[in-house]
Amino acid sequence: MKTKYLLPHHYQIFGWVATVLGLSIMFWGLLIGEAVPFKLEISFPWPFTGGKGFLDSPVYNGMITHDIADELLCILMITGLFIVAFSRQKIEDERIAQIRLEALQWGIYANYIMLFVCVLLIYGGSFLMVLSYNMFTPLLIFIARFYWLLTIRPALQARKERSLS
């Protein structure tokens, strides 16, 4: 089977490393009560005078300072999840293509059902947090469902068949 738009299989290791690292940092930040548990500030000149600059960051002596740790964490997570989700398997056949399609469809349905429920039940600033996590949920659900259908479900079925015989 010809799969034009999938990344090479050996990219998966980089995707898994980025995903696990990003999820670890994100959960660590949630445990200590911050969005990102570290700061990475950059400073650059701001040509306009006045109180606020880019992204409401304060301007001091013509320089603006902004913490980009959360943006880098978001890019790390999206890149890692994208690479894991859209890398070829060692053997890419019609069965795997069908499983990939079913898992992607299932992930999108589940994501929008969860978003629908959150729109009805969550308000204010908490909803903004839900929307920021919603960037990752379609890919997370897709990856979980894909690997469930690819590896875990056949193993459970084989174990069930062995126990029946």
Protein backbone atom coordinates (compact mmCIF):
# COMPACT_ATOMS: atom_id res chain seq x y z
CA MET A 1 0.00 0.00 0.00
CA LYS A 2 1.30 3.45 -0.93
CA THR A 3 1.10 5.95 1.94
CA LYS A 4 2.21 9.31 0.63
CA TYR A 5 1.53 11.54 3.57
CA LEU A 6 2.97 9.55 6.47
CA LEU A 7 6.35 10.27 8.05
CA PRO A 8 9.07 7.59 8.05
CA HIS A 9 8.85 4.98 10.81
CA HIS A 10 12.15 5.95 12.46
CA TYR A 11 10.70 9.41 13.34
CA GLN A 12 8.43 7.75 15.91
CA ILE A 13 11.15 7.61 18.58
CA PHE A 14 11.60 11.40 18.40
CA GLY A 15 7.84 11.85 18.61
CA TRP A 16 7.54 9.61 21.65
CA VAL A 17 10.42 11.38 23.41
CA ALA A 18 8.90 14.82 22.74
CA THR A 19 5.42 13.66 23.78
CA VAL A 20 6.55 12.01 27.03
CA LEU A 21 8.75 14.99 27.89
CA GLY A 22 5.95 17.46 27.16
CA LEU A 23 3.34 15.48 29.11
CA SER A 24 5.73 15.11 32.06
CA ILE A 25 6.41 18.84 32.21
CA MET A 26 2.71 19.61 31.83
CA PHE A 27 1.65 17.25 34.65
CA TRP A 28 4.50 18.48 36.84
CA GLY A 29 3.23 22.03 36.34
CA LEU A 30 -0.33 20.97 37.17
CA LEU A 31 0.86 19.31 40.38
CA ILE A 32 2.62 22.44 41.62
CA GLY A 33 -0.23 24.69 40.47
CA GLU A 34 1.35 26.52 37.56
CA ALA A 35 0.83 26.20 33.83
CA VAL A 36 4.55 25.64 33.23
CA PRO A 37 6.89 24.90 36.16
CA PHE A 38 9.76 27.01 34.82
CA LYS A 39 10.35 30.37 33.16
CA LEU A 40 12.20 31.09 29.95
CA GLU A 41 12.21 34.82 29.39
CA ILE A 42 13.36 36.57 26.26
CA SER A 43 13.94 40.28 25.85
CA PHE A 44 13.84 42.26 22.66
CA PRO A 45 13.62 45.95 21.77
CA TRP A 46 10.18 47.53 21.56
CA PRO A 47 10.10 50.65 19.38
CA PHE A 48 6.91 52.14 20.82
CA THR A 49 6.83 54.10 24.05
CA GLY A 50 4.13 53.48 26.58
CA GLY A 51 3.10 51.09 29.29
CA LYS A 52 2.22 47.84 27.56
CA GLY A 53 3.78 46.01 24.67
CA PHE A 54 3.42 42.71 22.93
CA LEU A 55 0.96 40.37 24.71
CA ASP A 56 0.47 42.93 27.51
CA SER A 57 4.06 42.52 28.63
CA PRO A 58 5.50 45.57 30.38
CA VAL A 59 8.02 47.73 28.54
CA TYR A 60 11.10 48.85 30.50
CA ASN A 61 13.70 51.14 28.94
CA GLY A 62 12.54 50.28 25.44
CA MET A 63 12.89 46.51 26.03
CA ILE A 64 10.06 44.05 26.34
CA THR A 65 10.42 40.80 28.29
CA HIS A 66 8.15 37.84 27.67
CA ASP A 67 8.08 34.31 29.13
CA ILE A 68 7.98 31.82 26.25
CA ALA A 69 8.09 28.58 28.26
CA ASP A 70 4.40 27.81 27.75
CA GLU A 71 4.64 28.44 24.00
CA LEU A 72 7.65 26.13 23.72
CA LEU A 73 5.89 23.42 25.74
CA CYS A 74 2.85 23.69 23.47
CA ILE A 75 5.03 23.41 20.35
CA LEU A 76 6.87 20.42 21.85
CA MET A 77 3.59 18.63 22.62
CA ILE A 78 1.98 19.33 19.25
CA THR A 79 5.12 18.30 17.35
CA GLY A 80 5.58 15.11 19.37
CA LEU A 81 1.93 14.07 19.10
CA PHE A 82 1.86 14.85 15.37
CA ILE A 83 4.98 12.78 14.70
CA VAL A 84 3.69 9.82 16.74
CA ALA A 85 0.26 9.97 15.13
CA PHE A 86 1.40 10.29 11.54
CA SER A 87 4.48 8.07 11.33
CA ARG A 88 4.36 4.82 9.41
CA GLN A 89 4.33 1.50 11.17
CA LYS A 90 7.03 -1.03 10.28
CA ILE A 91 4.48 -2.89 8.19
CA GLU A 92 1.94 -0.49 6.74
CA ASP A 93 -0.83 -2.49 5.05
CA GLU A 94 -4.56 -2.07 4.36
CA ARG A 95 -5.50 -3.33 7.82
CA ILE A 96 -3.36 -0.70 9.52
CA ALA A 97 -4.69 1.98 7.16
CA GLN A 98 -8.25 0.98 8.13
CA ILE A 99 -7.36 1.00 11.83
CA ARG A 100 -5.73 4.42 11.40
CA LEU A 101 -8.83 5.82 9.70
CA GLU A 102 -11.19 4.36 12.30
CA ALA A 103 -9.07 5.67 15.18
CA LEU A 104 -8.88 9.14 13.65
CA GLN A 105 -12.63 9.26 13.16
CA TRP A 106 -13.21 7.97 16.68
CA GLY A 107 -10.78 10.56 18.10
CA ILE A 108 -12.54 13.45 16.39
CA TYR A 109 -15.98 12.25 17.52
CA ALA A 110 -14.83 11.77 21.12
CA ASN A 111 -13.08 15.15 21.16
CA TYR A 112 -16.14 17.06 20.00
CA ILE A 113 -18.45 15.19 22.36
CA MET A 114 -16.16 16.17 25.26
CA LEU A 115 -15.99 19.76 23.98
CA PHE A 116 -19.79 19.90 23.71
CA VAL A 117 -20.14 18.76 27.34
CA CYS A 118 -17.49 21.25 28.48
CA VAL A 119 -19.24 24.12 26.67
CA LEU A 120 -22.40 23.31 28.62
CA LEU A 121 -20.78 22.77 32.02
CA ILE A 122 -17.66 24.95 32.32
CA TYR A 123 -17.58 28.76 32.40
CA GLY A 124 -15.17 31.66 32.75
CA GLY A 125 -11.42 31.29 32.97
CA SER A 126 -11.67 27.54 33.45
CA PHE A 127 -13.18 27.25 29.98
CA LEU A 128 -10.09 28.92 28.51
CA MET A 129 -8.03 26.17 30.16
CA VAL A 130 -10.34 23.56 28.61
CA LEU A 131 -9.83 25.13 25.18
CA SER A 132 -6.06 25.12 25.59
CA TYR A 133 -6.09 21.40 26.47
CA ASN A 134 -8.49 20.80 23.58
CA MET A 135 -5.58 21.42 21.19
CA PHE A 136 -4.05 18.12 22.28
CA THR A 137 -7.05 15.87 22.86
CA PRO A 138 -7.82 14.86 19.24
CA LEU A 139 -4.28 13.58 18.73
CA LEU A 140 -4.12 11.99 22.20
CA ILE A 141 -7.41 10.15 21.67
CA PHE A 142 -6.36 9.11 18.16
CA ILE A 143 -3.02 7.72 19.36
CA ALA A 144 -4.61 5.89 22.30
CA ARG A 145 -7.33 4.35 20.11
CA PHE A 146 -4.91 3.47 17.29
CA TYR A 147 -2.50 1.60 19.55
CA TRP A 148 -5.40 0.00 21.42
CA LEU A 149 -6.82 -1.38 18.18
CA LEU A 150 -3.39 -2.29 16.84
CA THR A 151 -1.82 -4.07 19.81
CA ILE A 152 -3.93 -4.44 22.95
CA ARG A 153 -7.27 -5.57 21.54
CA PRO A 154 -5.80 -8.41 19.43
CA ALA A 155 -3.80 -9.59 22.45
CA LEU A 156 -6.93 -9.60 24.63
CA GLN A 157 -8.87 -11.49 21.97
CA ALA A 158 -6.10 -14.09 21.64
CA ARG A 159 -6.01 -14.56 25.41
CA LYS A 160 -9.80 -14.97 25.47
CA GLU A 161 -9.66 -17.56 22.69
CA ARG A 162 -6.91 -19.50 24.50
CA SER A 163 -8.94 -19.57 27.70
CA LEU A 164 -12.03 -20.87 25.87
CA SER A 165 -10.16 -23.79 24.31
